[in-house]
mmCIF file of all heavy atoms, coordinates in Angstrom:
data_MODEL
# 
_entry.id   MODEL 
# 
loop_
_atom_site.group_PDB 
_atom_site.id 
_atom_site.type_symbol 
_atom_site.label_atom_id 
_atom_site.label_alt_id 
_atom_site.label_comp_id 
_atom_site.label_asym_id 
_atom_site.label_entity_id 
_atom_site.label_seq_id 
_atom_site.pdbx_PDB_ins_code 
_atom_site.Cartn_x 
_atom_site.Cartn_y 
_atom_site.Cartn_z 
_atom_site.occupancy 
_atom_site.B_iso_or_equiv 
_atom_site.pdbx_formal_charge 
_atom_site.auth_seq_id 
_atom_site.auth_comp_id 
_atom_site.auth_asym_id 
_atom_site.auth_atom_id 
_atom_site.pdbx_PDB_model_num 
ATOM 1   N N   . VAL A 1 1  ? 0.831  -1.208 0.000   1.00 0.00 ? 1  VAL A N   1 
ATOM 2   C CA  . VAL A 1 1  ? 0.000  0.000  0.000   1.00 0.00 ? 1  VAL A CA  1 
ATOM 3   C C   . VAL A 1 1  ? 0.870  1.264  0.000   1.00 0.00 ? 1  VAL A C   1 
ATOM 4   O O   . VAL A 1 1  ? 0.610  2.225  -0.716  1.00 0.00 ? 1  VAL A O   1 
ATOM 5   C CB  . VAL A 1 1  ? -0.928 -0.033 1.238   1.00 0.00 ? 1  VAL A CB  1 
ATOM 6   C CG1 . VAL A 1 1  ? -1.573 1.321  1.470   1.00 0.00 ? 1  VAL A CG1 1 
ATOM 7   C CG2 . VAL A 1 1  ? -1.998 -1.110 1.061   1.00 0.00 ? 1  VAL A CG2 1 
ATOM 8   N N   . ASP A 1 2  ? 1.943  1.245  0.807   1.00 0.00 ? 2  ASP A N   1 
ATOM 9   C CA  . ASP A 1 2  ? 2.760  2.455  0.963   1.00 0.00 ? 2  ASP A CA  1 
ATOM 10  C C   . ASP A 1 2  ? 3.692  2.731  -0.212  1.00 0.00 ? 2  ASP A C   1 
ATOM 11  O O   . ASP A 1 2  ? 3.935  3.882  -0.550  1.00 0.00 ? 2  ASP A O   1 
ATOM 12  C CB  . ASP A 1 2  ? 3.624  2.353  2.240   1.00 0.00 ? 2  ASP A CB  1 
ATOM 13  C CG  . ASP A 1 2  ? 2.785  2.501  3.507   1.00 0.00 ? 2  ASP A CG  1 
ATOM 14  O OD1 . ASP A 1 2  ? 1.642  2.983  3.397   1.00 0.00 ? 2  ASP A OD1 1 
ATOM 15  O OD2 . ASP A 1 2  ? 3.273  2.126  4.593   1.00 0.00 ? 2  ASP A OD2 1 
ATOM 16  N N   . TYR A 1 3  ? 4.268  1.661  -0.793  1.00 0.00 ? 3  TYR A N   1 
ATOM 17  C CA  . TYR A 1 3  ? 5.380  1.902  -1.728  1.00 0.00 ? 3  TYR A CA  1 
ATOM 18  C C   . TYR A 1 3  ? 5.143  1.454  -3.167  1.00 0.00 ? 3  TYR A C   1 
ATOM 19  O O   . TYR A 1 3  ? 5.803  1.936  -4.072  1.00 0.00 ? 3  TYR A O   1 
ATOM 20  C CB  . TYR A 1 3  ? 6.668  1.242  -1.206  1.00 0.00 ? 3  TYR A CB  1 
ATOM 21  C CG  . TYR A 1 3  ? 6.999  1.667  0.209   1.00 0.00 ? 3  TYR A CG  1 
ATOM 22  C CD1 . TYR A 1 3  ? 7.257  0.727  1.206   1.00 0.00 ? 3  TYR A CD1 1 
ATOM 23  C CD2 . TYR A 1 3  ? 7.036  3.017  0.557   1.00 0.00 ? 3  TYR A CD2 1 
ATOM 24  C CE1 . TYR A 1 3  ? 7.548  1.125  2.509   1.00 0.00 ? 3  TYR A CE1 1 
ATOM 25  C CE2 . TYR A 1 3  ? 7.322  3.416  1.854   1.00 0.00 ? 3  TYR A CE2 1 
ATOM 26  C CZ  . TYR A 1 3  ? 7.575  2.472  2.833   1.00 0.00 ? 3  TYR A CZ  1 
ATOM 27  O OH  . TYR A 1 3  ? 7.851  2.866  4.103   1.00 0.00 ? 3  TYR A OH  1 
ATOM 28  N N   . LEU A 1 4  ? 4.246  0.493  -3.390  1.00 0.00 ? 4  LEU A N   1 
ATOM 29  C CA  . LEU A 1 4  ? 4.056  0.062  -4.787  1.00 0.00 ? 4  LEU A CA  1 
ATOM 30  C C   . LEU A 1 4  ? 3.090  1.022  -5.485  1.00 0.00 ? 4  LEU A C   1 
ATOM 31  O O   . LEU A 1 4  ? 2.170  1.544  -4.871  1.00 0.00 ? 4  LEU A O   1 
ATOM 32  C CB  . LEU A 1 4  ? 3.546  -1.373 -4.848  1.00 0.00 ? 4  LEU A CB  1 
ATOM 33  C CG  . LEU A 1 4  ? 4.599  -2.434 -4.497  1.00 0.00 ? 4  LEU A CG  1 
ATOM 34  C CD1 . LEU A 1 4  ? 4.005  -3.826 -4.572  1.00 0.00 ? 4  LEU A CD1 1 
ATOM 35  C CD2 . LEU A 1 4  ? 5.833  -2.356 -5.393  1.00 0.00 ? 4  LEU A CD2 1 
ATOM 36  N N   . PRO A 1 5  ? 3.299  1.247  -6.792  1.00 0.00 ? 5  PRO A N   1 
ATOM 37  C CA  . PRO A 1 5  ? 2.528  2.283  -7.486  1.00 0.00 ? 5  PRO A CA  1 
ATOM 38  C C   . PRO A 1 5  ? 1.082  1.865  -7.760  1.00 0.00 ? 5  PRO A C   1 
ATOM 39  O O   . PRO A 1 5  ? 0.790  0.679  -7.916  1.00 0.00 ? 5  PRO A O   1 
ATOM 40  C CB  . PRO A 1 5  ? 3.290  2.459  -8.802  1.00 0.00 ? 5  PRO A CB  1 
ATOM 41  C CG  . PRO A 1 5  ? 4.051  1.200  -8.986  1.00 0.00 ? 5  PRO A CG  1 
ATOM 42  C CD  . PRO A 1 5  ? 4.331  0.645  -7.636  1.00 0.00 ? 5  PRO A CD  1 
ATOM 43  N N   . SER A 1 6  ? 0.202  2.860  -7.846  1.00 0.00 ? 6  SER A N   1 
ATOM 44  C CA  . SER A 1 6  ? -1.170 2.612  -8.285  1.00 0.00 ? 6  SER A CA  1 
ATOM 45  C C   . SER A 1 6  ? -1.158 2.648  -9.820  1.00 0.00 ? 6  SER A C   1 
ATOM 46  O O   . SER A 1 6  ? -0.169 3.077  -10.419 1.00 0.00 ? 6  SER A O   1 
ATOM 47  C CB  . SER A 1 6  ? -2.075 3.707  -7.736  1.00 0.00 ? 6  SER A CB  1 
ATOM 48  O OG  . SER A 1 6  ? -1.828 4.905  -8.453  1.00 0.00 ? 6  SER A OG  1 
ATOM 49  N N   . PRO A 1 7  ? -2.252 2.212  -10.475 1.00 0.00 ? 7  PRO A N   1 
ATOM 50  C CA  . PRO A 1 7  ? -2.251 2.182  -11.955 1.00 0.00 ? 7  PRO A CA  1 
ATOM 51  C C   . PRO A 1 7  ? -1.942 3.540  -12.586 1.00 0.00 ? 7  PRO A C   1 
ATOM 52  O O   . PRO A 1 7  ? -1.406 3.612  -13.684 1.00 0.00 ? 7  PRO A O   1 
ATOM 53  C CB  . PRO A 1 7  ? -3.682 1.756  -12.297 1.00 0.00 ? 7  PRO A CB  1 
ATOM 54  C CG  . PRO A 1 7  ? -4.172 1.034  -11.095 1.00 0.00 ? 7  PRO A CG  1 
ATOM 55  C CD  . PRO A 1 7  ? -3.490 1.637  -9.913  1.00 0.00 ? 7  PRO A CD  1 
ATOM 56  N N   . THR A 1 8  ? -2.270 4.640  -11.878 1.00 0.00 ? 8  THR A N   1 
ATOM 57  C CA  . THR A 1 8  ? -2.052 5.965  -12.492 1.00 0.00 ? 8  THR A CA  1 
ATOM 58  C C   . THR A 1 8  ? -0.595 6.402  -12.381 1.00 0.00 ? 8  THR A C   1 
ATOM 59  O O   . THR A 1 8  ? -0.186 7.351  -13.029 1.00 0.00 ? 8  THR A O   1 
ATOM 60  C CB  . THR A 1 8  ? -2.921 7.030  -11.803 1.00 0.00 ? 8  THR A CB  1 
ATOM 61  O OG1 . THR A 1 8  ? -2.692 6.930  -10.394 1.00 0.00 ? 8  THR A OG1 1 
ATOM 62  C CG2 . THR A 1 8  ? -4.383 6.828  -12.086 1.00 0.00 ? 8  THR A CG2 1 
ATOM 63  N N   . GLU A 1 9  ? 0.189  5.709  -11.534 1.00 0.00 ? 9  GLU A N   1 
ATOM 64  C CA  . GLU A 1 9  ? 1.560  6.184  -11.311 1.00 0.00 ? 9  GLU A CA  1 
ATOM 65  C C   . GLU A 1 9  ? 2.600  5.493  -12.182 1.00 0.00 ? 9  GLU A C   1 
ATOM 66  O O   . GLU A 1 9  ? 3.749  5.892  -12.209 1.00 0.00 ? 9  GLU A O   1 
ATOM 67  C CB  . GLU A 1 9  ? 1.938  5.974  -9.834  1.00 0.00 ? 9  GLU A CB  1 
ATOM 68  C CG  . GLU A 1 9  ? 1.192  6.920  -8.930  1.00 0.00 ? 9  GLU A CG  1 
ATOM 69  C CD  . GLU A 1 9  ? 1.344  6.539  -7.458  1.00 0.00 ? 9  GLU A CD  1 
ATOM 70  O OE1 . GLU A 1 9  ? 1.213  5.351  -7.129  1.00 0.00 ? 9  GLU A OE1 1 
ATOM 71  O OE2 . GLU A 1 9  ? 1.609  7.430  -6.662  1.00 0.00 ? 9  GLU A OE2 1 
ATOM 72  N N   . VAL A 1 10 ? 2.208  4.419  -12.849 1.00 0.00 ? 10 VAL A N   1 
ATOM 73  C CA  . VAL A 1 10 ? 3.201  3.738  -13.690 1.00 0.00 ? 10 VAL A CA  1 
ATOM 74  C C   . VAL A 1 10 ? 3.176  4.373  -15.080 1.00 0.00 ? 10 VAL A C   1 
ATOM 75  O O   . VAL A 1 10 ? 2.210  5.046  -15.441 1.00 0.00 ? 10 VAL A O   1 
ATOM 76  C CB  . VAL A 1 10 ? 2.926  2.217  -13.816 1.00 0.00 ? 10 VAL A CB  1 
ATOM 77  C CG1 . VAL A 1 10 ? 3.160  1.512  -12.509 1.00 0.00 ? 10 VAL A CG1 1 
ATOM 78  C CG2 . VAL A 1 10 ? 1.513  1.968  -14.292 1.00 0.00 ? 10 VAL A CG2 1 
ATOM 79  N N   . ASP A 1 11 ? 4.247  4.135  -15.842 1.00 0.00 ? 11 ASP A N   1 
ATOM 80  C CA  . ASP A 1 11 ? 4.280  4.682  -17.203 1.00 0.00 ? 11 ASP A CA  1 
ATOM 81  C C   . ASP A 1 11 ? 3.138  4.063  -18.003 1.00 0.00 ? 11 ASP A C   1 
ATOM 82  O O   . ASP A 1 11 ? 2.960  2.845  -17.990 1.00 0.00 ? 11 ASP A O   1 
ATOM 83  C CB  . ASP A 1 11 ? 5.620  4.342  -17.874 1.00 0.00 ? 11 ASP A CB  1 
ATOM 84  C CG  . ASP A 1 11 ? 6.761  5.053  -17.166 1.00 0.00 ? 11 ASP A CG  1 
ATOM 85  O OD1 . ASP A 1 11 ? 6.482  6.067  -16.514 1.00 0.00 ? 11 ASP A OD1 1 
ATOM 86  O OD2 . ASP A 1 11 ? 7.913  4.574  -17.244 1.00 0.00 ? 11 ASP A OD2 1 
ATOM 87  N N   . ALA A 1 12 ? 2.390  4.907  -18.702 1.00 0.00 ? 12 ALA A N   1 
ATOM 88  C CA  . ALA A 1 12 ? 1.248  4.403  -19.470 1.00 0.00 ? 12 ALA A CA  1 
ATOM 89  C C   . ALA A 1 12 ? 1.725  3.476  -20.588 1.00 0.00 ? 12 ALA A C   1 
ATOM 90  O O   . ALA A 1 12 ? 2.813  3.660  -21.135 1.00 0.00 ? 12 ALA A O   1 
ATOM 91  C CB  . ALA A 1 12 ? 0.475  5.582  -20.045 1.00 0.00 ? 12 ALA A CB  1 
ATOM 92  N N   . GLN A 1 13 ? 0.905  2.478  -20.921 1.00 0.00 ? 13 GLN A N   1 
ATOM 93  C CA  . GLN A 1 13 ? 1.256  1.507  -21.981 1.00 0.00 ? 13 GLN A CA  1 
ATOM 94  C C   . GLN A 1 13 ? 1.348  2.208  -23.335 1.00 0.00 ? 13 GLN A C   1 
ATOM 95  O O   . GLN A 1 13 ? 0.424  2.940  -23.716 1.00 0.00 ? 13 GLN A O   1 
ATOM 96  C CB  . GLN A 1 13 ? 0.156  0.439  -22.081 1.00 0.00 ? 13 GLN A CB  1 
ATOM 97  C CG  . GLN A 1 13 ? 0.249  -0.620 -21.025 1.00 0.00 ? 13 GLN A CG  1 
ATOM 98  C CD  . GLN A 1 13 ? 1.357  -1.620 -21.315 1.00 0.00 ? 13 GLN A CD  1 
ATOM 99  O OE1 . GLN A 1 13 ? 1.660  -1.941 -22.457 1.00 0.00 ? 13 GLN A OE1 1 
ATOM 100 N NE2 . GLN A 1 13 ? 2.005  -2.096 -20.286 1.00 0.00 ? 13 GLN A NE2 1 
ATOM 101 N N   . PRO A 1 14 ? 2.431  1.969  -24.087 1.00 0.00 ? 14 PRO A N   1 
ATOM 102 C CA  . PRO A 1 14 ? 2.520  2.603  -25.409 1.00 0.00 ? 14 PRO A CA  1 
ATOM 103 C C   . PRO A 1 14 ? 1.562  1.944  -26.408 1.00 0.00 ? 14 PRO A C   1 
ATOM 104 O O   . PRO A 1 14 ? 1.314  0.749  -26.327 1.00 0.00 ? 14 PRO A O   1 
ATOM 105 C CB  . PRO A 1 14 ? 3.979  2.344  -25.818 1.00 0.00 ? 14 PRO A CB  1 
ATOM 106 C CG  . PRO A 1 14 ? 4.443  1.217  -24.979 1.00 0.00 ? 14 PRO A CG  1 
ATOM 107 C CD  . PRO A 1 14 ? 3.617  1.187  -23.742 1.00 0.00 ? 14 PRO A CD  1 
ATOM 108 N N   . LEU A 1 15 ? 1.043  2.758  -27.323 1.00 0.00 ? 15 LEU A N   1 
ATOM 109 C CA  . LEU A 1 15 ? 0.235  2.203  -28.424 1.00 0.00 ? 15 LEU A CA  1 
ATOM 110 C C   . LEU A 1 15 ? 1.159  1.969  -29.603 1.00 0.00 ? 15 LEU A C   1 
ATOM 111 O O   . LEU A 1 15 ? 2.121  2.705  -29.807 1.00 0.00 ? 15 LEU A O   1 
ATOM 112 C CB  . LEU A 1 15 ? -0.867 3.191  -28.814 1.00 0.00 ? 15 LEU A CB  1 
ATOM 113 C CG  . LEU A 1 15 ? -1.871 3.539  -27.708 1.00 0.00 ? 15 LEU A CG  1 
ATOM 114 C CD1 . LEU A 1 15 ? -2.891 4.545  -28.219 1.00 0.00 ? 15 LEU A CD1 1 
ATOM 115 C CD2 . LEU A 1 15 ? -2.579 2.306  -27.196 1.00 0.00 ? 15 LEU A CD2 1 
ATOM 116 N N   . THR A 1 16 ? 0.878  0.924  -30.392 1.00 0.00 ? 16 THR A N   1 
ATOM 117 C CA  . THR A 1 16 ? 1.785  0.596  -31.499 1.00 0.00 ? 16 THR A CA  1 
ATOM 118 C C   . THR A 1 16 ? 1.032  0.584  -32.822 1.00 0.00 ? 16 THR A C   1 
ATOM 119 O O   . THR A 1 16 ? -0.197 0.484  -32.858 1.00 0.00 ? 16 THR A O   1 
ATOM 120 C CB  . THR A 1 16 ? 2.430  -0.795 -31.300 1.00 0.00 ? 16 THR A CB  1 
ATOM 121 O OG1 . THR A 1 16 ? 1.379  -1.749 -31.146 1.00 0.00 ? 16 THR A OG1 1 
ATOM 122 C CG2 . THR A 1 16 ? 3.309  -0.839 -30.077 1.00 0.00 ? 16 THR A CG2 1 
ATOM 123 N N   . ASN A 1 17 ? 1.805  0.654  -33.890 1.00 0.00 ? 17 ASN A N   1 
ATOM 124 C CA  . ASN A 1 17 ? 1.243  0.566  -35.229 1.00 0.00 ? 17 ASN A CA  1 
ATOM 125 C C   . ASN A 1 17 ? 1.007  -0.915 -35.540 1.00 0.00 ? 17 ASN A C   1 
ATOM 126 O O   . ASN A 1 17 ? 1.947  -1.704 -35.521 1.00 0.00 ? 17 ASN A O   1 
ATOM 127 C CB  . ASN A 1 17 ? 2.266  1.163  -36.203 1.00 0.00 ? 17 ASN A CB  1 
ATOM 128 C CG  . ASN A 1 17 ? 1.788  1.065  -37.636 1.00 0.00 ? 17 ASN A CG  1 
ATOM 129 O OD1 . ASN A 1 17 ? 1.069  0.153  -38.004 1.00 0.00 ? 17 ASN A OD1 1 
ATOM 130 N ND2 . ASN A 1 17 ? 2.200  2.018  -38.444 1.00 0.00 ? 17 ASN A ND2 1 
ATOM 131 N N   . PRO A 1 18 ? -0.258 -1.322 -35.830 1.00 0.00 ? 18 PRO A N   1 
ATOM 132 C CA  . PRO A 1 18 ? -0.533 -2.749 -36.015 1.00 0.00 ? 18 PRO A CA  1 
ATOM 133 C C   . PRO A 1 18 ? 0.246  -3.365 -37.179 1.00 0.00 ? 18 PRO A C   1 
ATOM 134 O O   . PRO A 1 18 ? 0.564  -4.552 -37.162 1.00 0.00 ? 18 PRO A O   1 
ATOM 135 C CB  . PRO A 1 18 ? -2.040 -2.801 -36.273 1.00 0.00 ? 18 PRO A CB  1 
ATOM 136 C CG  . PRO A 1 18 ? -2.488 -1.395 -36.480 1.00 0.00 ? 18 PRO A CG  1 
ATOM 137 C CD  . PRO A 1 18 ? -1.453 -0.491 -35.924 1.00 0.00 ? 18 PRO A CD  1 
ATOM 138 N N   . GLU A 1 19 ? 0.586  -2.560 -38.202 1.00 0.00 ? 19 GLU A N   1 
ATOM 139 C CA  . GLU A 1 19 ? 1.311  -3.120 -39.357 1.00 0.00 ? 19 GLU A CA  1 
ATOM 140 C C   . GLU A 1 19 ? 2.771  -3.423 -38.986 1.00 0.00 ? 19 GLU A C   1 
ATOM 141 O O   . GLU A 1 19 ? 3.283  -4.501 -39.218 1.00 0.00 ? 19 GLU A O   1 
ATOM 142 C CB  . GLU A 1 19 ? 1.332  -2.124 -40.547 1.00 0.00 ? 19 GLU A CB  1 
ATOM 143 C CG  . GLU A 1 19 ? 0.012  -1.449 -40.833 1.00 0.00 ? 19 GLU A CG  1 
ATOM 144 C CD  . GLU A 1 19 ? -0.967 -2.377 -41.527 1.00 0.00 ? 19 GLU A CD  1 
ATOM 145 O OE1 . GLU A 1 19 ? -0.772 -2.621 -42.706 1.00 0.00 ? 19 GLU A OE1 1 
ATOM 146 O OE2 . GLU A 1 19 ? -1.917 -2.861 -40.868 1.00 0.00 ? 19 GLU A OE2 1 
ATOM 147 N N   . THR A 1 20 ? 3.445  -2.424 -38.378 1.00 0.00 ? 20 THR A N   1 
ATOM 148 C CA  . THR A 1 20 ? 4.900  -2.562 -38.171 1.00 0.00 ? 20 THR A CA  1 
ATOM 149 C C   . THR A 1 20 ? 5.264  -2.984 -36.755 1.00 0.00 ? 20 THR A C   1 
ATOM 150 O O   . THR A 1 20 ? 6.378  -3.441 -36.507 1.00 0.00 ? 20 THR A O   1 
ATOM 151 C CB  . THR A 1 20 ? 5.599  -1.211 -38.439 1.00 0.00 ? 20 THR A CB  1 
ATOM 152 O OG1 . THR A 1 20 ? 5.078  -0.257 -37.502 1.00 0.00 ? 20 THR A OG1 1 
ATOM 153 C CG2 . THR A 1 20 ? 5.334  -0.722 -39.845 1.00 0.00 ? 20 THR A CG2 1 
ATOM 154 N N   . GLY A 1 21 ? 4.328  -2.794 -35.800 1.00 0.00 ? 21 GLY A N   1 
ATOM 155 C CA  . GLY A 1 21 ? 4.676  -3.111 -34.402 1.00 0.00 ? 21 GLY A CA  1 
ATOM 156 C C   . GLY A 1 21 ? 5.503  -2.018 -33.740 1.00 0.00 ? 21 GLY A C   1 
ATOM 157 O O   . GLY A 1 21 ? 5.911  -2.134 -32.595 1.00 0.00 ? 21 GLY A O   1 
ATOM 158 N N   . GLU A 1 22 ? 5.757  -0.911 -34.485 1.00 0.00 ? 22 GLU A N   1 
ATOM 159 C CA  . GLU A 1 22 ? 6.548  0.192  -33.913 1.00 0.00 ? 22 GLU A CA  1 
ATOM 160 C C   . GLU A 1 22 ? 5.653  1.084  -33.044 1.00 0.00 ? 22 GLU A C   1 
ATOM 161 O O   . GLU A 1 22 ? 4.478  1.274  -33.365 1.00 0.00 ? 22 GLU A O   1 
ATOM 162 C CB  . GLU A 1 22 ? 7.145  1.058  -35.041 1.00 0.00 ? 22 GLU A CB  1 
ATOM 163 C CG  . GLU A 1 22 ? 8.187  0.342  -35.882 1.00 0.00 ? 22 GLU A CG  1 
ATOM 164 C CD  . GLU A 1 22 ? 9.402  -0.090 -35.074 1.00 0.00 ? 22 GLU A CD  1 
ATOM 165 O OE1 . GLU A 1 22 ? 9.929  0.724  -34.318 1.00 0.00 ? 22 GLU A OE1 1 
ATOM 166 O OE2 . GLU A 1 22 ? 9.787  -1.276 -35.190 1.00 0.00 ? 22 GLU A OE2 1 
ATOM 167 N N   . PRO A 1 23 ? 6.206  1.675  -31.948 1.00 0.00 ? 23 PRO A N   1 
ATOM 168 C CA  . PRO A 1 23 ? 5.386  2.583  -31.132 1.00 0.00 ? 23 PRO A CA  1 
ATOM 169 C C   . PRO A 1 23 ? 4.943  3.793  -31.945 1.00 0.00 ? 23 PRO A C   1 
ATOM 170 O O   . PRO A 1 23 ? 5.699  4.310  -32.773 1.00 0.00 ? 23 PRO A O   1 
ATOM 171 C CB  . PRO A 1 23 ? 6.336  3.016  -30.008 1.00 0.00 ? 23 PRO A CB  1 
ATOM 172 C CG  . PRO A 1 23 ? 7.438  2.021  -30.017 1.00 0.00 ? 23 PRO A CG  1 
ATOM 173 C CD  . PRO A 1 23 ? 7.543  1.485  -31.414 1.00 0.00 ? 23 PRO A CD  1 
ATOM 174 N N   . THR A 1 24 ? 3.710  4.262  -31.709 1.00 0.00 ? 24 THR A N   1 
ATOM 175 C CA  . THR A 1 24 ? 3.201  5.422  -32.457 1.00 0.00 ? 24 THR A CA  1 
ATOM 176 C C   . THR A 1 24 ? 3.496  6.721  -31.721 1.00 0.00 ? 24 THR A C   1 
ATOM 177 O O   . THR A 1 24 ? 3.265  7.801  -32.238 1.00 0.00 ? 24 THR A O   1 
ATOM 178 C CB  . THR A 1 24 ? 1.669  5.336  -32.608 1.00 0.00 ? 24 THR A CB  1 
ATOM 179 O OG1 . THR A 1 24 ? 1.108  5.261  -31.285 1.00 0.00 ? 24 THR A OG1 1 
ATOM 180 C CG2 . THR A 1 24 ? 1.241  4.126  -33.398 1.00 0.00 ? 24 THR A CG2 1 
ATOM 181 N N   . GLY A 1 25 ? 3.984  6.602  -30.474 1.00 0.00 ? 25 GLY A N   1 
ATOM 182 C CA  . GLY A 1 25 ? 4.218  7.820  -29.690 1.00 0.00 ? 25 GLY A CA  1 
ATOM 183 C C   . GLY A 1 25 ? 3.040  8.147  -28.787 1.00 0.00 ? 25 GLY A C   1 
ATOM 184 O O   . GLY A 1 25 ? 3.150  8.953  -27.876 1.00 0.00 ? 25 GLY A O   1 
ATOM 185 N N   . GLU A 1 26 ? 1.874  7.501  -29.038 1.00 0.00 ? 26 GLU A N   1 
ATOM 186 C CA  . GLU A 1 26 ? 0.716  7.714  -28.144 1.00 0.00 ? 26 GLU A CA  1 
ATOM 187 C C   . GLU A 1 26 ? 0.745  6.693  -27.014 1.00 0.00 ? 26 GLU A C   1 
ATOM 188 O O   . GLU A 1 26 ? 1.383  5.647  -27.128 1.00 0.00 ? 26 GLU A O   1 
ATOM 189 C CB  . GLU A 1 26 ? -0.585 7.522  -28.930 1.00 0.00 ? 26 GLU A CB  1 
ATOM 190 C CG  . GLU A 1 26 ? -0.940 8.655  -29.854 1.00 0.00 ? 26 GLU A CG  1 
ATOM 191 C CD  . GLU A 1 26 ? -2.299 8.380  -30.490 1.00 0.00 ? 26 GLU A CD  1 
ATOM 192 O OE1 . GLU A 1 26 ? -3.312 8.664  -29.837 1.00 0.00 ? 26 GLU A OE1 1 
ATOM 193 O OE2 . GLU A 1 26 ? -2.322 7.839  -31.615 1.00 0.00 ? 26 GLU A OE2 1 
ATOM 194 N N   . VAL A 1 27 ? 0.024  6.983  -25.933 1.00 0.00 ? 27 VAL A N   1 
ATOM 195 C CA  . VAL A 1 27 ? -0.049 6.021  -24.822 1.00 0.00 ? 27 VAL A CA  1 
ATOM 196 C C   . VAL A 1 27 ? -1.497 5.867  -24.365 1.00 0.00 ? 27 VAL A C   1 
ATOM 197 O O   . VAL A 1 27 ? -2.333 6.713  -24.648 1.00 0.00 ? 27 VAL A O   1 
ATOM 198 C CB  . VAL A 1 27 ? 0.819  6.463  -23.607 1.00 0.00 ? 27 VAL A CB  1 
ATOM 199 C CG1 . VAL A 1 27 ? 2.285  6.431  -23.936 1.00 0.00 ? 27 VAL A CG1 1 
ATOM 200 C CG2 . VAL A 1 27 ? 0.384  7.828  -23.091 1.00 0.00 ? 27 VAL A CG2 1 
ATOM 201 N N   . ALA A 1 28 ? -1.761 4.733  -23.665 1.00 0.00 ? 28 ALA A N   1 
ATOM 202 C CA  . ALA A 1 28 ? -3.099 4.493  -23.115 1.00 0.00 ? 28 ALA A CA  1 
ATOM 203 C C   . ALA A 1 28 ? -3.146 5.120  -21.721 1.00 0.00 ? 28 ALA A C   1 
ATOM 204 O O   . ALA A 1 28 ? -2.724 4.507  -20.746 1.00 0.00 ? 28 ALA A O   1 
ATOM 205 C CB  . ALA A 1 28 ? -3.361 3.000  -23.036 1.00 0.00 ? 28 ALA A CB  1 
# 
């Protein structure tokens, strides 16, 4: 409770381009 992050505190999941699998620069 004290030290592990909540879902809002971790780096957001990157979104990727479905064709190439490369990150698009956007996040969820």
